[in-house]
C-alpha cells in the first residue's frame, strides 16, 4: 500500500517517477499540503526540510512545528526561521520531551 510522497518542484516529474506511483510532483505548497492532508485523514503529514517548512508556514498551511534540538553546533546549514516574510508568529507549546544524550524534542502549534 504505502503513502503518497508529494515533491514540491518547479519542474515536471522526471521519467523515472512513472515507476513510483505514490510519488507526485506538485508546484504549489498549498496544493501539496492540501492533497497530503486529505489523503492522510487523521494521521500526521510531515514536511521535511527547512525550505519546505518555511514555505508552508508562510502559506499558512503548517499546523504544528516539531524541532529536535541536538546539542551540537555545526556552524553551517539553512536557517529554519530566516526570511519568513511574516511578522511575529505566535506558537503554542504542545510538548517537550527530553531524550537521550541531551536531545530535546519540542512541538509547537501554529496560532492563527
C-alpha atoms as a PDB file:
ATOM      1  CA  UNK A   1       0.000   0.000   0.000  1.00  0.00           C
ATOM      2  CA  UNK A   2       2.323   2.822   1.173  1.00  0.00           C
ATOM      3  CA  UNK A   3       1.768   6.536   1.489  1.00  0.00           C
ATOM      4  CA  UNK A   4       1.982   9.214  -1.177  1.00  0.00           C
ATOM      5  CA  UNK A   5       5.007  11.468  -1.290  1.00  0.00           C
ATOM      6  CA  UNK A   6       4.478  14.980  -2.611  1.00  0.00           C
ATOM      7  CA  UNK A   7       7.586  16.605  -4.042  1.00  0.00           C
ATOM      8  CA  UNK A   8       7.484  20.371  -4.392  1.00  0.00           C
ATOM      9  CA  UNK A   9       9.195  21.274  -7.652  1.00  0.00           C
ATOM     10  CA  UNK A  10       9.118  23.894 -10.400  1.00  0.00           C
ATOM     11  CA  UNK A  11       9.842  21.135 -12.907  1.00  0.00           C
ATOM     12  CA  UNK A  12       7.701  18.333 -14.304  1.00  0.00           C
ATOM     13  CA  UNK A  13       8.157  14.862 -12.887  1.00  0.00           C
ATOM     14  CA  UNK A  14      11.195  13.111 -14.393  1.00  0.00           C
ATOM     15  CA  UNK A  15      10.678   9.956 -16.420  1.00  0.00           C
ATOM     16  CA  UNK A  16      11.771   7.618 -13.620  1.00  0.00           C
ATOM     17  CA  UNK A  17       8.903   8.901 -11.436  1.00  0.00           C
ATOM     18  CA  UNK A  18       6.483   6.793 -13.521  1.00  0.00           C
ATOM     19  CA  UNK A  19       7.953   3.730 -11.751  1.00  0.00           C
ATOM     20  CA  UNK A  20       6.909   5.194  -8.379  1.00  0.00           C
ATOM     21  CA  UNK A  21       3.098   5.544  -8.437  1.00  0.00           C
ATOM     22  CA  UNK A  22       2.946   7.118  -4.966  1.00  0.00           C
ATOM     23  CA  UNK A  23       5.355   9.955  -5.857  1.00  0.00           C
ATOM     24  CA  UNK A  24       3.591  13.099  -7.013  1.00  0.00           C
ATOM     25  CA  UNK A  25       5.293  16.271  -8.236  1.00  0.00           C
ATOM     26  CA  UNK A  26       3.440  19.457  -7.296  1.00  0.00           C
ATOM     27  CA  UNK A  27       4.407  23.082  -7.962  1.00  0.00           C
ATOM     28  CA  UNK A  28       2.398  24.761  -5.169  1.00  0.00           C
ATOM     29  CA  UNK A  29       2.894  24.258  -1.422  1.00  0.00           C
ATOM     30  CA  UNK A  30      -0.785  24.916  -0.672  1.00  0.00           C
ATOM     31  CA  UNK A  31      -1.961  22.247  -3.121  1.00  0.00           C
ATOM     32  CA  UNK A  32       0.683  19.798  -1.929  1.00  0.00           C
ATOM     33  CA  UNK A  33      -0.265  20.180   1.739  1.00  0.00           C
ATOM     34  CA  UNK A  34      -3.993  20.118   0.996  1.00  0.00           C
ATOM     35  CA  UNK A  35      -3.681  16.896  -1.019  1.00  0.00           C
ATOM     36  CA  UNK A  36      -1.424  15.288   1.597  1.00  0.00           C
ATOM     37  CA  UNK A  37      -3.776  16.220   4.472  1.00  0.00           C
ATOM     38  CA  UNK A  38      -6.805  14.901   2.578  1.00  0.00           C
ATOM     39  CA  UNK A  39      -5.049  11.603   1.868  1.00  0.00           C
ATOM     40  CA  UNK A  40      -3.738  11.303   5.454  1.00  0.00           C
ATOM     41  CA  UNK A  41      -7.122  11.710   7.108  1.00  0.00           C
ATOM     42  CA  UNK A  42      -6.491  11.811  10.858  1.00  0.00           C
ATOM     43  CA  UNK A  43      -2.787  10.899  10.520  1.00  0.00           C
ATOM     44  CA  UNK A  44       0.048  13.427  10.568  1.00  0.00           C
ATOM     45  CA  UNK A  45       1.518  14.926   7.406  1.00  0.00           C
ATOM     46  CA  UNK A  46       5.244  15.612   7.578  1.00  0.00           C
ATOM     47  CA  UNK A  47       7.029  18.430   5.768  1.00  0.00           C
ATOM     48  CA  UNK A  48      10.754  17.744   5.660  1.00  0.00           C
ATOM     49  CA  UNK A  49      13.442  20.370   5.377  1.00  0.00           C
ATOM     50  CA  UNK A  50      13.795  23.977   6.409  1.00  0.00           C
ATOM     51  CA  UNK A  51      12.872  25.308   2.962  1.00  0.00           C
ATOM     52  CA  UNK A  52       9.603  23.372   2.722  1.00  0.00           C
ATOM     53  CA  UNK A  53       8.666  24.147   6.342  1.00  0.00           C
ATOM     54  CA  UNK A  54       9.342  27.845   5.748  1.00  0.00           C
ATOM     55  CA  UNK A  55       7.152  27.885   2.609  1.00  0.00           C
ATOM     56  CA  UNK A  56       4.340  26.006   4.382  1.00  0.00           C
ATOM     57  CA  UNK A  57       4.474  28.349   7.382  1.00  0.00           C
ATOM     58  CA  UNK A  58       4.399  31.446   5.158  1.00  0.00           C
ATOM     59  CA  UNK A  59       1.467  29.987   3.167  1.00  0.00           C
ATOM     60  CA  UNK A  60      -0.475  29.318   6.380  1.00  0.00           C
ATOM     61  CA  UNK A  61      -0.726  25.560   5.780  1.00  0.00           C
ATOM     62  CA  UNK A  62       1.539  24.367   8.608  1.00  0.00           C
ATOM     63  CA  UNK A  63      -0.380  23.404  11.756  1.00  0.00           C
ATOM     64  CA  UNK A  64       2.492  22.351  14.006  1.00  0.00           C
ATOM     65  CA  UNK A  65       6.253  22.576  14.148  1.00  0.00           C
ATOM     66  CA  UNK A  66       8.397  19.893  15.746  1.00  0.00           C
ATOM     67  CA  UNK A  67      12.006  20.749  16.424  1.00  0.00           C
ATOM     68  CA  UNK A  68      14.634  18.259  17.555  1.00  0.00           C
ATOM     69  CA  UNK A  69      17.277  20.237  19.388  1.00  0.00           C
ATOM     70  CA  UNK A  70      20.601  18.400  19.328  1.00  0.00           C
ATOM     71  CA  UNK A  71      23.446  19.832  21.438  1.00  0.00           C
ATOM     72  CA  UNK A  72      25.943  20.112  18.564  1.00  0.00           C
ATOM     73  CA  UNK A  73      26.983  23.335  16.856  1.00  0.00           C
ATOM     74  CA  UNK A  74      27.617  22.662  13.181  1.00  0.00           C
ATOM     75  CA  UNK A  75      28.275  26.233  12.117  1.00  0.00           C
ATOM     76  CA  UNK A  76      26.519  25.846   8.736  1.00  0.00           C
ATOM     77  CA  UNK A  77      23.141  24.943   7.349  1.00  0.00           C
ATOM     78  CA  UNK A  78      19.873  26.539   6.334  1.00  0.00           C
ATOM     79  CA  UNK A  79      18.144  28.619   8.992  1.00  0.00           C
ATOM     80  CA  UNK A  80      14.570  27.445   9.618  1.00  0.00           C
ATOM     81  CA  UNK A  81      13.115  30.828  10.543  1.00  0.00           C
ATOM     82  CA  UNK A  82      15.232  33.037   8.275  1.00  0.00           C
ATOM     83  CA  UNK A  83      13.406  35.224   5.714  1.00  0.00           C
ATOM     84  CA  UNK A  84       9.869  34.116   6.557  1.00  0.00           C
ATOM     85  CA  UNK A  85       8.340  37.295   5.234  1.00  0.00           C
ATOM     86  CA  UNK A  86       5.935  37.290   8.177  1.00  0.00           C
ATOM     87  CA  UNK A  87       5.584  39.422  11.228  1.00  0.00           C
ATOM     88  CA  UNK A  88       5.880  37.757  14.616  1.00  0.00           C
ATOM     89  CA  UNK A  89       4.257  34.311  14.541  1.00  0.00           C
ATOM     90  CA  UNK A  90       2.834  33.104  17.836  1.00  0.00           C
ATOM     91  CA  UNK A  91       3.366  29.450  18.711  1.00  0.00           C
ATOM     92  CA  UNK A  92       1.704  27.435  21.473  1.00  0.00           C
ATOM     93  CA  UNK A  93       3.901  24.831  23.147  1.00  0.00           C
ATOM     94  CA  UNK A  94       2.288  21.394  22.863  1.00  0.00           C
ATOM     95  CA  UNK A  95       5.019  19.083  24.132  1.00  0.00           C
ATOM     96  CA  UNK A  96       8.586  18.988  25.389  1.00  0.00           C
ATOM     97  CA  UNK A  97      10.378  15.642  25.630  1.00  0.00           C
ATOM     98  CA  UNK A  98      13.894  15.156  26.912  1.00  0.00           C
ATOM     99  CA  UNK A  99      15.676  12.410  25.043  1.00  0.00           C
ATOM    100  CA  UNK A 100      18.996  10.678  25.416  1.00  0.00           C
ATOM    101  CA  UNK A 101      22.332  12.494  25.064  1.00  0.00           C
ATOM    102  CA  UNK A 102      20.834  15.910  25.765  1.00  0.00           C
ATOM    103  CA  UNK A 103      18.455  15.902  22.793  1.00  0.00           C
ATOM    104  CA  UNK A 104      15.222  17.840  23.372  1.00  0.00           C
ATOM    105  CA  UNK A 105      12.103  17.355  21.247  1.00  0.00           C
ATOM    106  CA  UNK A 106       9.885  20.442  21.049  1.00  0.00           C
ATOM    107  CA  UNK A 107       6.412  20.563  19.482  1.00  0.00           C
ATOM    108  CA  UNK A 108       4.501  23.800  18.904  1.00  0.00           C
ATOM    109  CA  UNK A 109       1.066  24.534  17.452  1.00  0.00           C
ATOM    110  CA  UNK A 110       0.984  27.430  14.998  1.00  0.00           C
ATOM    111  CA  UNK A 111      -1.528  30.021  16.249  1.00  0.00           C
ATOM    112  CA  UNK A 112      -3.570  31.786  13.606  1.00  0.00           C
END
